[in-house]
Amino acid sequence: MEKKIINTPNAPAPIGPYSQAVQTGDLLFISGQIPIDPATNKVEATDIIGEAHQVMHNLKAILAAASLDFSHVVKTTILLTDMSSFGEVNEVYGKYFTGDFPARETYAVKTLPKNVNVEISMIAVL
């Protein structure tokens, strides 16, 4: 098995012992992204909509670093600290895809790193 580490300064640096993404074969596994602005390395968003947009921007940057875009995504996982945010996050998330949506699940969790409200991970096919 060969694996390639994907890393871009256009997305937040990992805050632990993991890579932004790992490519193996025809698959790209993107680690969960939280709404850290890579320019400041801080959470700048002040509401769930801003957080969701920042997460999607971070994911877009990682996909681009692998020469991919959202049309290559086949699976996502969304973590929310409050399931009442589902509708707002869903609306933001949907704006980044055109046509066929990936498979997905959404979980409510007690807390997330940096006390953010949303985290999203993805699997894409090259």
C-alpha atoms as a PDB file:
ATOM      1  CA  MET A   1       0.000   0.000   0.000  1.00  0.00           C
ATOM      2  CA  GLU A   2       1.310   3.381  -0.968  1.00  0.00           C
ATOM      3  CA  LYS A   3       0.088   6.513   0.745  1.00  0.00           C
ATOM      4  CA  LYS A   4       0.648  10.159  -0.012  1.00  0.00           C
ATOM      5  CA  ILE A   5       0.237  12.886   2.608  1.00  0.00           C
ATOM      6  CA  ILE A   6      -1.656  15.952   1.408  1.00  0.00           C
ATOM      7  CA  ASN A   7      -0.833  19.196   3.177  1.00  0.00           C
ATOM      8  CA  THR A   8      -1.644  22.777   2.204  1.00  0.00           C
ATOM      9  CA  PRO A   9      -1.076  26.117   3.938  1.00  0.00           C
ATOM     10  CA  ASN A  10      -4.530  27.121   2.608  1.00  0.00           C
ATOM     11  CA  ALA A  11      -6.190  25.019   5.311  1.00  0.00           C
ATOM     12  CA  PRO A  12      -5.469  24.952   9.051  1.00  0.00           C
ATOM     13  CA  ALA A  13      -2.437  23.002  10.193  1.00  0.00           C
ATOM     14  CA  PRO A  14      -3.379  19.876  12.157  1.00  0.00           C
ATOM     15  CA  ILE A  15      -3.750  20.487  15.885  1.00  0.00           C
ATOM     16  CA  GLY A  16      -2.657  16.942  16.716  1.00  0.00           C
ATOM     17  CA  PRO A  17      -0.728  13.975  15.358  1.00  0.00           C
ATOM     18  CA  TYR A  18      -2.611  13.593  12.066  1.00  0.00           C
ATOM     19  CA  SER A  19      -2.429  14.768   8.453  1.00  0.00           C
ATOM     20  CA  GLN A  20      -4.857  17.091   6.678  1.00  0.00           C
ATOM     21  CA  ALA A  21      -5.471  14.275   4.211  1.00  0.00           C
ATOM     22  CA  VAL A  22      -4.047  10.951   3.078  1.00  0.00           C
ATOM     23  CA  GLN A  23      -4.305   9.614  -0.459  1.00  0.00           C
ATOM     24  CA  THR A  24      -4.077   5.892  -1.041  1.00  0.00           C
ATOM     25  CA  GLY A  25      -4.912   4.322  -4.360  1.00  0.00           C
ATOM     26  CA  ASP A  26      -7.870   6.195  -5.847  1.00  0.00           C
ATOM     27  CA  LEU A  27      -9.145   7.440  -2.477  1.00  0.00           C
ATOM     28  CA  LEU A  28      -8.496  10.637  -0.553  1.00  0.00           C
ATOM     29  CA  PHE A  29      -9.343  10.630   3.156  1.00  0.00           C
ATOM     30  CA  ILE A  30      -9.674  14.150   4.572  1.00  0.00           C
ATOM     31  CA  SER A  31      -9.409  14.587   8.324  1.00  0.00           C
ATOM     32  CA  GLY A  32     -12.210  16.360  10.144  1.00  0.00           C
ATOM     33  CA  GLN A  33     -11.983  20.104   9.631  1.00  0.00           C
ATOM     34  CA  ILE A  34     -13.125  22.672  12.146  1.00  0.00           C
ATOM     35  CA  PRO A  35     -13.677  26.386  11.432  1.00  0.00           C
ATOM     36  CA  ILE A  36     -10.128  27.592  12.007  1.00  0.00           C
ATOM     37  CA  ASP A  37      -9.172  30.372   9.613  1.00  0.00           C
ATOM     38  CA  PRO A  38      -5.777  29.339   8.184  1.00  0.00           C
ATOM     39  CA  ALA A  39      -4.745  33.001   7.802  1.00  0.00           C
ATOM     40  CA  THR A  40      -5.012  33.677  11.546  1.00  0.00           C
ATOM     41  CA  ASN A  41      -4.982  30.131  12.970  1.00  0.00           C
ATOM     42  CA  LYS A  42      -8.033  31.158  15.034  1.00  0.00           C
ATOM     43  CA  VAL A  43     -11.769  30.608  14.947  1.00  0.00           C
ATOM     44  CA  GLU A  44     -13.052  33.887  13.515  1.00  0.00           C
ATOM     45  CA  ALA A  45     -16.656  32.841  12.802  1.00  0.00           C
ATOM     46  CA  THR A  46     -19.236  34.146  15.241  1.00  0.00           C
ATOM     47  CA  ASP A  47     -22.168  31.874  14.382  1.00  0.00           C
ATOM     48  CA  ILE A  48     -22.908  28.391  13.057  1.00  0.00           C
ATOM     49  CA  ILE A  49     -23.344  29.629   9.475  1.00  0.00           C
ATOM     50  CA  GLY A  50     -19.924  31.286   9.495  1.00  0.00           C
ATOM     51  CA  GLU A  51     -18.409  28.189  11.088  1.00  0.00           C
ATOM     52  CA  ALA A  52     -19.933  25.921   8.432  1.00  0.00           C
ATOM     53  CA  HIS A  53     -18.660  28.135   5.600  1.00  0.00           C
ATOM     54  CA  GLN A  54     -15.123  28.177   7.066  1.00  0.00           C
ATOM     55  CA  VAL A  55     -15.135  24.383   7.405  1.00  0.00           C
ATOM     56  CA  MET A  56     -16.220  24.022   3.778  1.00  0.00           C
ATOM     57  CA  HIS A  57     -13.526  26.503   2.655  1.00  0.00           C
ATOM     58  CA  ASN A  58     -10.927  24.443   4.527  1.00  0.00           C
ATOM     59  CA  LEU A  59     -12.160  21.240   2.891  1.00  0.00           C
ATOM     60  CA  LYS A  60     -12.159  22.910  -0.527  1.00  0.00           C
ATOM     61  CA  ALA A  61      -8.512  23.944  -0.041  1.00  0.00           C
ATOM     62  CA  ILE A  62      -7.481  20.411   0.861  1.00  0.00           C
ATOM     63  CA  LEU A  63      -9.369  18.973  -2.119  1.00  0.00           C
ATOM     64  CA  ALA A  64      -7.653  21.535  -4.374  1.00  0.00           C
ATOM     65  CA  ALA A  65      -4.244  20.524  -2.993  1.00  0.00           C
ATOM     66  CA  ALA A  66      -5.012  17.032  -4.301  1.00  0.00           C
ATOM     67  CA  SER A  67      -6.265  18.488  -7.643  1.00  0.00           C
ATOM     68  CA  LEU A  68      -9.863  17.616  -6.740  1.00  0.00           C
ATOM     69  CA  ASP A  69     -13.102  19.461  -5.979  1.00  0.00           C
ATOM     70  CA  PHE A  70     -16.418  18.727  -4.266  1.00  0.00           C
ATOM     71  CA  SER A  71     -17.628  16.716  -7.286  1.00  0.00           C
ATOM     72  CA  HIS A  72     -15.098  14.024  -6.291  1.00  0.00           C
ATOM     73  CA  VAL A  73     -16.488  13.622  -2.759  1.00  0.00           C
ATOM     74  CA  VAL A  74     -18.295  10.319  -2.169  1.00  0.00           C
ATOM     75  CA  LYS A  75     -18.756  10.355   1.622  1.00  0.00           C
ATOM     76  CA  THR A  76     -18.918  12.951   4.384  1.00  0.00           C
ATOM     77  CA  THR A  77     -19.350  12.871   8.123  1.00  0.00           C
ATOM     78  CA  ILE A  78     -20.695  15.899   9.978  1.00  0.00           C
ATOM     79  CA  LEU A  79     -20.313  16.343  13.731  1.00  0.00           C
ATOM     80  CA  LEU A  80     -22.487  18.931  15.498  1.00  0.00           C
ATOM     81  CA  THR A  81     -22.521  19.974  19.135  1.00  0.00           C
ATOM     82  CA  ASP A  82     -26.210  20.807  18.832  1.00  0.00           C
ATOM     83  CA  MET A  83     -28.530  18.992  16.444  1.00  0.00           C
ATOM     84  CA  SER A  84     -30.726  22.108  16.311  1.00  0.00           C
ATOM     85  CA  SER A  85     -28.002  23.534  14.021  1.00  0.00           C
ATOM     86  CA  PHE A  86     -28.645  20.765  11.476  1.00  0.00           C
ATOM     87  CA  GLY A  87     -30.809  22.896   9.164  1.00  0.00           C
ATOM     88  CA  GLU A  88     -28.395  25.827   9.007  1.00  0.00           C
ATOM     89  CA  VAL A  89     -25.340  23.615   8.462  1.00  0.00           C
ATOM     90  CA  ASN A  90     -27.240  21.555   5.889  1.00  0.00           C
ATOM     91  CA  GLU A  91     -28.113  24.712   3.938  1.00  0.00           C
ATOM     92  CA  VAL A  92     -24.488  25.901   3.868  1.00  0.00           C
ATOM     93  CA  TYR A  93     -23.141  22.425   3.071  1.00  0.00           C
ATOM     94  CA  GLY A  94     -25.539  22.004   0.143  1.00  0.00           C
ATOM     95  CA  LYS A  95     -24.283  25.188  -1.560  1.00  0.00           C
ATOM     96  CA  TYR A  96     -20.877  23.609  -2.171  1.00  0.00           C
ATOM     97  CA  PHE A  97     -22.185  20.719  -4.268  1.00  0.00           C
ATOM     98  CA  THR A  98     -23.804  20.659  -7.691  1.00  0.00           C
ATOM     99  CA  GLY A  99     -25.786  17.638  -8.703  1.00  0.00           C
ATOM    100  CA  ASP A 100     -25.053  14.270  -7.164  1.00  0.00           C
ATOM    101  CA  PHE A 101     -24.557  14.589  -3.410  1.00  0.00           C
ATOM    102  CA  PRO A 102     -22.202  12.286  -1.514  1.00  0.00           C
ATOM    103  CA  ALA A 103     -23.357   9.749   1.053  1.00  0.00           C
ATOM    104  CA  ARG A 104     -23.385  11.262   4.532  1.00  0.00           C
ATOM    105  CA  GLU A 105     -24.158  10.894   8.191  1.00  0.00           C
ATOM    106  CA  THR A 106     -24.521  13.547  10.862  1.00  0.00           C
ATOM    107  CA  TYR A 107     -23.912  12.974  14.554  1.00  0.00           C
ATOM    108  CA  ALA A 108     -24.509  15.086  17.625  1.00  0.00           C
ATOM    109  CA  VAL A 109     -21.476  15.107  19.910  1.00  0.00           C
ATOM    110  CA  LYS A 110     -20.902  16.587  23.327  1.00  0.00           C
ATOM    111  CA  THR A 111     -17.946  18.816  22.427  1.00  0.00           C
ATOM    112  CA  LEU A 112     -15.489  19.461  19.609  1.00  0.00           C
ATOM    113  CA  PRO A 113     -11.906  20.794  19.599  1.00  0.00           C
ATOM    114  CA  LYS A 114     -11.558  24.518  20.353  1.00  0.00           C
ATOM    115  CA  ASN A 115     -15.227  24.462  21.500  1.00  0.00           C
ATOM    116  CA  VAL A 116     -16.465  24.873  17.926  1.00  0.00           C
ATOM    117  CA  ASN A 117     -19.924  23.764  16.842  1.00  0.00           C
ATOM    118  CA  VAL A 118     -19.228  21.823  13.626  1.00  0.00           C
ATOM    119  CA  GLU A 119     -16.607  19.472  12.186  1.00  0.00           C
ATOM    120  CA  ILE A 120     -16.739  17.764   8.780  1.00  0.00           C
ATOM    121  CA  SER A 121     -14.583  15.023   7.278  1.00  0.00           C
ATOM    122  CA  MET A 122     -14.693  13.689   3.714  1.00  0.00           C
ATOM    123  CA  ILE A 123     -13.682  10.826   1.473  1.00  0.00           C
ATOM    124  CA  ALA A 124     -13.098  11.617  -2.203  1.00  0.00           C
ATOM    125  CA  VAL A 125     -12.359   9.505  -5.269  1.00  0.00           C
ATOM    126  CA  LEU A 126      -9.637  10.585  -7.692  1.00  0.00           C
END
